[in-house]
């Protein structure tokens, strides 16, 4: 990739992120995620995602190469006023960061010579925030705690939180800089509860846009719901309560992959656990990557072409009453565990209109019979209400809630 030494972040502005592709490397759970990310303008650092709009950035935009995730807990005395002040400040900051501009008193010059790099900041509220901010009467029923699933090994210290932030960018330093600024601005009002960093395929790393691969080596992200489909908005965006119209619900799961065990399997066995060919992502029922899966098809010997315990069978909307989610997951790799095995896997992120009709039924189905689950460990979890976007010209994230 070419370097752009000598250019300021402001000087590199020159284009907007092209297209509306999502979830190119969503990971190994729930409905397969997304179409290949569409090409972006060059230079890469100049690509820009619009902050203002009916929905927050970071949901519909092409998936970036890097992500920083963090959850914050409000200070005991923050209250509604503290939350309002923080979200107002974060809104102003996110808008400036999306333009590649310095952010004032908390600017540390870490990314001063970079462009915006498709940066997006997405903010959501956890259930506990409503109690701490005196807003319990406004908490949506959809934020009821997720049920426990049989394979869960959840570390609560790396889960939940009053506020959740997703920061995506095509440059790791730009993403880290944005998170550091938000952390400093939150001082005294909210403190970091947990933090995670992930990665996806860098735009331009392949000769043409392609679906990315997860750390199991599988093409990951073929059948995500797509903007333009008749039921897309109904599956992804919340319609109520009124203050959340245009927002969404986000399920986060940190899913460690047991790669040492997985990599001992033959390619054929791996494909049967997933239900797709590893080489090109085509379903075992035949066709190409984008061919609809034929769950009824049988092999010449009478066995199911897509095995009964294959991930794509159990995660299919047809197997779960039509349940589907918009997924933008990222891989992570955090060194090795004490036993020498990789601490690596998937930062699962799924946007949906209602978790009770999205993540929950799919995960229940997977926990009952998905052969892939023996190679996965769910180690952290969170459920959040993603705030609606901010109209151009005025306003801030969460205004309809906090001024109700």
Protein backbone atom coordinates (compact mmCIF):
# COMPACT_ATOMS: atom_id res chain seq x y z
CA UNK A 1 0.00 0.00 0.00
CA UNK A 2 1.32 3.43 -0.88
CA UNK A 3 2.26 5.79 1.93
CA UNK A 4 1.01 9.36 2.04
CA UNK A 5 3.70 11.07 4.09
CA UNK A 6 3.32 14.78 4.46
CA UNK A 7 -0.47 14.91 4.13
CA UNK A 8 -2.69 15.92 7.04
CA UNK A 9 -5.85 14.02 7.92
CA UNK A 10 -7.89 16.98 6.70
CA UNK A 11 -5.98 17.18 3.40
CA UNK A 12 -6.64 13.56 2.56
CA UNK A 13 -10.40 13.92 2.40
CA UNK A 14 -11.59 13.22 -1.06
CA UNK A 15 -14.20 10.54 -1.34
CA UNK A 16 -16.87 8.58 0.43
CA UNK A 17 -16.90 4.88 1.12
CA UNK A 18 -18.45 3.27 -1.92
CA UNK A 19 -21.32 0.86 -1.94
CA UNK A 20 -23.33 -0.79 0.82
CA UNK A 21 -21.80 -4.16 1.58
CA UNK A 22 -21.76 -5.68 5.06
CA UNK A 23 -20.22 -8.36 7.22
CA UNK A 24 -17.54 -9.72 4.88
CA UNK A 25 -15.92 -11.86 7.57
CA UNK A 26 -18.70 -12.45 10.03
CA UNK A 27 -17.45 -15.68 11.60
CA UNK A 28 -18.66 -19.16 12.26
CA UNK A 29 -21.98 -18.73 14.00
CA UNK A 30 -25.57 -17.87 13.11
CA UNK A 31 -26.62 -16.99 9.62
CA UNK A 32 -23.67 -16.57 7.26
CA UNK A 33 -22.87 -12.95 6.91
CA UNK A 34 -22.42 -10.75 3.93
CA UNK A 35 -21.43 -10.09 0.42
CA UNK A 36 -17.85 -9.19 -0.48
CA UNK A 37 -16.94 -5.63 0.44
CA UNK A 38 -17.17 -3.36 -2.57
CA UNK A 39 -14.10 -1.50 -3.75
CA UNK A 40 -13.26 1.80 -2.10
CA UNK A 41 -11.73 4.95 -3.56
CA UNK A 42 -7.97 5.39 -3.60
CA UNK A 43 -5.99 6.43 -1.69
CA UNK A 44 -7.36 4.12 0.97
CA UNK A 45 -6.92 6.67 3.74
CA UNK A 46 -9.27 9.14 2.04
CA UNK A 47 -12.33 6.87 2.18
CA UNK A 48 -14.98 8.42 4.38
CA UNK A 49 -18.21 7.21 5.98
CA UNK A 50 -20.91 9.78 6.73
CA UNK A 51 -21.62 10.21 10.45
CA UNK A 52 -25.08 11.79 10.12
CA UNK A 53 -28.17 9.91 9.00
CA UNK A 54 -31.18 7.91 10.21
CA UNK A 55 -28.93 5.03 11.32
CA UNK A 56 -25.53 5.16 12.95
CA UNK A 57 -22.52 4.49 10.79
CA UNK A 58 -20.91 1.10 11.31
CA UNK A 59 -24.00 -0.95 10.45
CA UNK A 60 -24.53 -0.65 6.70
CA UNK A 61 -21.08 0.54 5.62
CA UNK A 62 -18.54 -1.83 4.03
CA UNK A 63 -16.68 -3.73 6.70
CA UNK A 64 -13.34 -2.17 7.57
CA UNK A 65 -10.02 -3.91 8.11
CA UNK A 66 -9.79 -3.14 11.84
CA UNK A 67 -12.12 -2.80 14.78
CA UNK A 68 -11.81 -1.61 18.37
CA UNK A 69 -14.59 -2.64 20.74
CA UNK A 70 -15.07 -1.36 24.26
CA UNK A 71 -17.72 -1.35 26.97
CA UNK A 72 -17.91 1.35 29.63
CA UNK A 73 -19.55 1.47 33.04
CA UNK A 74 -21.03 4.75 34.24
CA UNK A 75 -19.71 6.32 37.42
CA UNK A 76 -22.10 5.94 40.39
CA UNK A 77 -22.93 9.66 40.38
CA UNK A 78 -23.14 10.15 36.59
CA UNK A 79 -26.92 10.01 36.34
CA UNK A 80 -28.92 11.18 33.35
CA UNK A 81 -27.05 14.47 33.11
CA UNK A 82 -23.70 12.73 32.99
CA UNK A 83 -24.85 10.30 30.30
CA UNK A 84 -26.37 13.15 28.29
CA UNK A 85 -23.19 15.19 28.46
CA UNK A 86 -21.02 12.24 27.45
CA UNK A 87 -23.19 11.26 24.47
CA UNK A 88 -23.32 14.87 23.31
CA UNK A 89 -19.52 15.07 23.44
CA UNK A 90 -19.02 11.68 21.80
CA UNK A 91 -21.42 12.68 18.99
CA UNK A 92 -19.41 15.80 18.22
CA UNK A 93 -16.18 13.82 18.36
CA UNK A 94 -17.42 10.97 16.17
CA UNK A 95 -18.54 13.44 13.51
CA UNK A 96 -15.09 15.07 13.44
CA UNK A 97 -13.25 11.74 13.45
CA UNK A 98 -15.33 10.58 10.48
CA UNK A 99 -14.00 13.60 8.57
CA UNK A 100 -10.43 12.90 9.62
CA UNK A 101 -10.30 16.14 11.62
CA UNK A 102 -8.54 16.80 14.96
CA UNK A 103 -10.88 16.68 17.95
CA UNK A 104 -9.74 19.57 20.11
CA UNK A 105 -8.60 19.33 23.72
CA UNK A 106 -8.36 15.54 23.76
CA UNK A 107 -6.49 15.22 20.45
CA UNK A 108 -3.20 13.38 20.99
CA UNK A 109 -1.86 13.60 17.41
CA UNK A 110 -1.51 9.80 17.15
CA UNK A 111 -3.30 9.75 13.77
CA UNK A 112 -2.58 13.32 12.72
CA UNK A 113 -1.02 12.35 9.38
CA UNK A 114 -3.73 9.84 8.41
CA UNK A 115 -6.96 10.26 6.53
CA UNK A 116 -10.34 9.14 7.95
CA UNK A 117 -9.78 5.59 6.63
CA UNK A 118 -13.53 4.79 6.53
CA UNK A 119 -13.75 5.35 10.29
CA UNK A 120 -17.10 4.73 11.96
CA UNK A 121 -18.12 5.05 15.61
CA UNK A 122 -21.23 3.14 16.73
CA UNK A 123 -22.63 3.63 20.25
CA UNK A 124 -25.15 1.47 22.13
CA UNK A 125 -26.62 1.20 25.63
CA UNK A 126 -26.68 -1.87 27.83
CA UNK A 127 -29.62 -2.72 30.08
CA UNK A 128 -27.81 -1.54 33.21
CA UNK A 129 -27.42 2.01 31.84
CA UNK A 130 -31.15 2.60 32.16
CA UNK A 131 -31.07 1.98 35.90
CA UNK A 132 -27.97 4.07 36.53
CA UNK A 133 -29.27 7.01 34.48
CA UNK A 134 -32.76 6.95 36.02
CA UNK A 135 -34.31 5.72 32.77
CA UNK A 136 -35.60 2.33 33.87
CA UNK A 137 -39.12 3.16 32.68
CA UNK A 138 -37.75 3.58 29.15
CA UNK A 139 -35.80 0.30 28.99
CA UNK A 140 -37.03 -1.79 26.03
CA UNK A 141 -38.29 -5.29 26.73
CA UNK A 142 -35.90 -6.51 24.02
CA UNK A 143 -32.99 -5.88 26.42
CA UNK A 144 -34.07 -8.75 28.66
CA UNK A 145 -30.97 -10.84 29.47
CA UNK A 146 -29.99 -13.43 26.90
CA UNK A 147 -30.69 -16.99 28.05
CA UNK A 148 -27.86 -19.27 29.05
CA UNK A 149 -26.84 -21.75 26.35
CA UNK A 150 -25.34 -25.18 27.05
CA UNK A 151 -21.87 -24.45 25.68
CA UNK A 152 -21.48 -21.03 27.33
CA UNK A 153 -18.36 -20.33 29.38
CA UNK A 154 -19.03 -16.63 29.87
CA UNK A 155 -16.56 -14.42 31.71
CA UNK A 156 -18.72 -11.57 33.03
CA UNK A 157 -15.70 -9.33 33.53
CA UNK A 158 -15.34 -9.26 29.71
CA UNK A 159 -19.09 -8.98 29.06
CA UNK A 160 -22.03 -6.57 29.35
CA UNK A 161 -21.44 -2.90 30.26
CA UNK A 162 -23.54 0.26 30.45
CA UNK A 163 -22.27 1.63 27.11
CA UNK A 164 -20.81 -0.18 24.13
CA UNK A 165 -18.66 1.35 21.40
CA UNK A 166 -17.70 -0.19 18.05
CA UNK A 167 -14.98 1.68 16.17
CA UNK A 168 -14.13 0.47 12.67
CA UNK A 169 -11.41 1.80 10.36
CA UNK A 170 -9.16 0.60 7.55
CA UNK A 171 -6.09 1.57 9.56
CA UNK A 172 -5.32 0.14 13.01
CA UNK A 173 -3.80 3.36 14.31
CA UNK A 174 -6.82 5.43 13.27
CA UNK A 175 -9.17 3.04 15.10
CA UNK A 176 -7.00 2.98 18.23
CA UNK A 177 -6.68 6.76 18.22
CA UNK A 178 -10.47 7.16 18.11
CA UNK A 179 -10.97 4.81 21.05
CA UNK A 180 -8.28 6.56 23.08
CA UNK A 181 -9.96 9.92 22.50
CA UNK A 182 -13.35 8.57 23.61
CA UNK A 183 -11.78 7.01 26.71
CA UNK A 184 -10.21 10.31 27.70
CA UNK A 185 -13.43 12.20 27.11
CA UNK A 186 -15.33 9.73 29.31
CA UNK A 187 -12.98 10.17 32.30
CA UNK A 188 -14.98 10.92 35.43
CA UNK A 189 -18.26 9.88 33.81
CA UNK A 190 -17.58 6.34 32.58
CA UNK A 191 -14.67 3.90 32.83
CA UNK A 192 -13.69 1.09 30.49
CA UNK A 193 -15.09 -2.27 31.59
CA UNK A 194 -13.52 -4.36 28.81
CA UNK A 195 -11.82 -3.82 25.49
CA UNK A 196 -11.11 -5.98 22.40
CA UNK A 197 -9.44 -5.51 19.03
CA UNK A 198 -10.17 -7.39 15.81
CA UNK A 199 -9.31 -7.52 12.15
CA UNK A 200 -10.76 -8.39 8.78
CA UNK A 201 -9.43 -8.44 5.23
CA UNK A 202 -7.92 -5.15 4.13
CA UNK A 203 -9.70 -3.61 1.13
CA UNK A 204 -7.54 -4.15 -1.94
CA UNK A 205 -5.76 -7.20 -0.52
CA UNK A 206 -7.30 -9.33 -3.28
CA UNK A 207 -7.32 -8.65 -7.01
CA UNK A 208 -11.09 -8.30 -6.91
CA UNK A 209 -13.58 -8.04 -4.03
CA UNK A 210 -14.07 -11.46 -2.42
CA UNK A 211 -15.78 -12.88 0.61
CA UNK A 212 -13.28 -13.01 3.47
CA UNK A 213 -12.17 -16.07 5.41
CA UNK A 214 -12.37 -16.65 9.13
CA UNK A 215 -9.57 -18.18 11.20
CA UNK A 216 -10.90 -21.66 10.44
CA UNK A 217 -10.09 -20.98 6.79
CA UNK A 218 -13.72 -20.94 5.66
CA UNK A 219 -15.18 -18.30 3.36
CA UNK A 220 -17.39 -16.49 5.83
CA UNK A 221 -20.14 -14.16 4.78
CA UNK A 222 -22.30 -15.25 1.90
CA UNK A 223 -25.97 -14.98 2.82
CA UNK A 224 -26.26 -11.88 4.99
CA UNK A 225 -29.52 -9.94 4.66
CA UNK A 226 -28.90 -7.21 2.10
CA UNK A 227 -30.17 -3.64 1.83
CA UNK A 228 -32.79 -3.55 -0.89
CA UNK A 229 -34.42 -6.82 0.13
CA UNK A 230 -38.07 -6.35 1.02
CA UNK A 231 -37.65 -7.51 4.61
CA UNK A 232 -34.20 -6.09 5.30
CA UNK A 233 -35.25 -3.18 7.53
CA UNK A 234 -37.74 -5.33 9.42
CA UNK A 235 -34.99 -7.80 10.28
CA UNK A 236 -32.31 -5.28 11.23
CA UNK A 237 -33.79 -2.04 12.58
CA UNK A 238 -35.96 -1.50 15.64
CA UNK A 239 -39.39 0.06 15.19
CA UNK A 240 -40.02 0.84 18.85
CA UNK A 241 -40.01 2.27 21.40
CA UNK A 242 -40.28 5.63 19.68
CA UNK A 243 -36.92 6.90 20.93
CA UNK A 244 -35.18 3.87 19.33
CA UNK A 245 -36.77 4.13 15.88
CA UNK A 246 -33.92 3.77 13.39
CA UNK A 247 -31.76 2.01 15.96
CA UNK A 248 -31.13 -1.69 16.36
CA UNK A 249 -30.19 -4.37 18.88
CA UNK A 250 -26.66 -5.70 18.93
CA UNK A 251 -25.54 -9.07 20.25
CA UNK A 252 -21.82 -9.37 20.97
CA UNK A 253 -20.09 -12.71 21.59
CA UNK A 254 -16.39 -13.39 21.94
CA UNK A 255 -16.03 -16.90 20.49
CA UNK A 256 -12.73 -18.68 20.83
CA UNK A 257 -11.98 -21.22 18.10
CA UNK A 258 -10.23 -24.43 19.12
CA UNK A 259 -7.89 -24.19 16.18
CA UNK A 260 -5.46 -26.91 17.28
CA UNK A 261 -8.31 -29.43 17.19
CA UNK A 262 -9.91 -28.01 14.05
CA UNK A 263 -6.70 -28.11 12.06
CA UNK A 264 -6.29 -31.83 12.78
CA UNK A 265 -9.41 -32.56 10.70
CA UNK A 266 -9.28 -33.38 7.02
CA UNK A 267 -10.65 -30.75 4.66
CA UNK A 268 -13.56 -33.05 3.84
CA UNK A 269 -14.50 -33.34 7.52
CA UNK A 270 -14.26 -29.60 8.03
CA UNK A 271 -16.54 -29.02 5.05
CA UNK A 272 -19.15 -31.43 6.40
CA UNK A 273 -19.22 -29.62 9.76
CA UNK A 274 -19.79 -26.31 7.99
CA UNK A 275 -21.87 -27.48 5.02
CA UNK A 276 -19.80 -25.61 2.41
CA UNK A 277 -16.71 -26.31 0.35
CA UNK A 278 -13.63 -24.72 1.83
CA UNK A 279 -12.12 -23.76 -1.53
CA UNK A 280 -14.93 -21.57 -2.85
CA UNK A 281 -17.71 -21.49 -0.25
CA UNK A 282 -20.21 -23.38 -2.43
CA UNK A 283 -22.83 -25.36 -0.46
CA UNK A 284 -22.37 -29.13 -0.42
CA UNK A 285 -25.75 -29.36 -2.14
CA UNK A 286 -24.07 -27.97 -5.27
CA UNK A 287 -23.57 -24.79 -7.26
CA UNK A 288 -21.41 -21.78 -6.47
CA UNK A 289 -20.92 -19.71 -3.35
CA UNK A 290 -24.11 -17.74 -3.87
CA UNK A 291 -26.29 -20.70 -4.89
CA UNK A 292 -29.14 -21.14 -2.37
CA UNK A 293 -28.58 -24.14 -0.12
CA UNK A 294 -30.78 -27.12 -0.99
CA UNK A 295 -31.35 -28.70 2.42
CA UNK A 296 -33.40 -31.55 0.93
CA UNK A 297 -30.80 -32.71 -1.59
CA UNK A 298 -29.33 -36.18 -1.13
CA UNK A 299 -26.19 -37.87 -2.37
CA UNK A 300 -26.38 -40.94 -4.67
CA UNK A 301 -26.09 -43.18 -1.58
CA UNK A 302 -29.15 -41.53 -0.02
CA UNK A 303 -27.33 -39.49 2.64
CA UNK A 304 -28.03 -35.79 3.02
CA UNK A 305 -25.74 -33.66 0.87
CA UNK A 306 -25.70 -31.09 3.69
CA UNK A 307 -25.29 -33.21 6.84
CA UNK A 308 -27.87 -33.10 9.61
CA UNK A 309 -25.38 -31.47 11.99
CA UNK A 310 -23.92 -29.00 9.45
CA UNK A 311 -23.75 -25.42 10.63
CA UNK A 312 -25.50 -23.92 7.62
CA UNK A 313 -28.44 -26.32 8.01
CA UNK A 314 -29.06 -25.48 11.67
CA UNK A 315 -28.44 -21.75 11.20
CA UNK A 316 -30.65 -21.41 8.11
CA UNK A 317 -33.70 -19.13 8.45
CA UNK A 318 -35.82 -22.05 7.21
CA UNK A 319 -34.70 -24.00 10.29
CA UNK A 320 -35.46 -21.14 12.69
CA UNK A 321 -38.79 -19.65 11.75
CA UNK A 322 -37.18 -17.11 9.42
CA UNK A 323 -34.80 -15.72 12.04
CA UNK A 324 -31.90 -13.73 10.57
CA UNK A 325 -29.36 -11.11 11.61
CA UNK A 326 -27.01 -8.64 9.96
CA UNK A 327 -23.54 -9.69 11.02
CA UNK A 328 -20.27 -7.73 10.98
CA UNK A 329 -17.93 -10.00 12.91
CA UNK A 330 -14.14 -9.65 13.09
CA UNK A 331 -11.38 -12.13 13.82
CA UNK A 332 -9.15 -11.70 16.85
CA UNK A 333 -5.79 -13.18 17.89
CA UNK A 334 -4.56 -12.46 21.41
CA UNK A 335 -1.51 -14.67 21.77
CA UNK A 336 -1.56 -18.08 23.44
CA UNK A 337 -3.18 -19.54 26.53
CA UNK A 338 -1.24 -21.21 29.35
CA UNK A 339 -1.61 -24.58 27.63
CA UNK A 340 -0.03 -23.19 24.46
CA UNK A 341 -3.21 -23.15 22.39
CA UNK A 342 -4.14 -20.02 20.40
CA UNK A 343 -6.35 -17.44 22.10
CA UNK A 344 -7.98 -16.60 18.79
CA UNK A 345 -11.39 -16.65 17.17
CA UNK A 346 -14.31 -14.40 16.38
CA UNK A 347 -15.66 -11.14 17.75
CA UNK A 348 -19.26 -11.86 16.76
CA UNK A 349 -21.41 -8.77 16.14
CA UNK A 350 -25.01 -9.14 14.97
CA UNK A 351 -27.51 -6.32 14.41
CA UNK A 352 -31.20 -7.23 14.55
CA UNK A 353 -34.67 -5.82 15.13
CA UNK A 354 -35.36 -8.11 18.09
CA UNK A 355 -32.96 -10.63 19.67
CA UNK A 356 -35.89 -12.87 20.62
CA UNK A 357 -36.55 -13.37 16.89
CA UNK A 358 -32.93 -13.21 15.72
CA UNK A 359 -29.96 -14.41 17.75
CA UNK A 360 -31.81 -16.39 20.42
CA UNK A 361 -33.66 -18.94 18.25
CA UNK A 362 -30.64 -19.44 16.00
CA UNK A 363 -28.26 -19.98 18.90
CA UNK A 364 -30.70 -22.38 20.54
CA UNK A 365 -30.83 -24.39 17.33
CA UNK A 366 -27.04 -24.45 17.07
CA UNK A 367 -26.57 -25.45 20.69
CA UNK A 368 -28.82 -28.48 20.20
CA UNK A 369 -26.99 -30.10 17.31
CA UNK A 370 -24.40 -28.04 15.42
CA UNK A 371 -21.30 -30.19 14.97
CA UNK A 372 -19.19 -27.04 14.77
CA UNK A 373 -19.89 -26.14 18.41
CA UNK A 374 -17.36 -28.71 19.66
CA UNK A 375 -14.66 -26.46 18.18
CA UNK A 376 -15.99 -23.21 19.69
CA UNK A 377 -16.12 -21.62 23.14
CA UNK A 378 -18.40 -18.65 23.88
CA UNK A 379 -16.35 -16.72 26.44
CA UNK A 380 -17.94 -13.25 26.56
CA UNK A 381 -21.36 -11.83 25.76
CA UNK A 382 -23.33 -8.62 25.60
CA UNK A 383 -26.70 -7.26 24.46
CA UNK A 384 -27.13 -3.58 23.65
CA UNK A 385 -29.63 -1.12 22.20
CA UNK A 386 -27.92 0.66 19.28
CA UNK A 387 -29.02 4.28 19.31
CA UNK A 388 -30.59 5.84 16.19
CA UNK A 389 -28.45 8.06 14.02
CA UNK A 390 -28.13 11.83 14.30
CA UNK A 391 -29.78 14.08 11.67
CA UNK A 392 -27.49 16.47 9.84
CA UNK A 393 -27.24 19.91 11.36
CA UNK A 394 -28.09 19.31 15.00
CA UNK A 395 -28.71 16.80 17.73
CA UNK A 396 -26.71 14.08 19.43
CA UNK A 397 -26.84 10.33 19.98
CA UNK A 398 -29.62 9.32 22.38
CA UNK A 399 -31.28 12.74 22.37
CA UNK A 400 -34.83 11.39 21.98
CA UNK A 401 -34.32 9.14 25.02
CA UNK A 402 -32.49 11.55 27.25
CA UNK A 403 -34.82 14.47 26.62
CA UNK A 404 -38.03 12.45 26.93
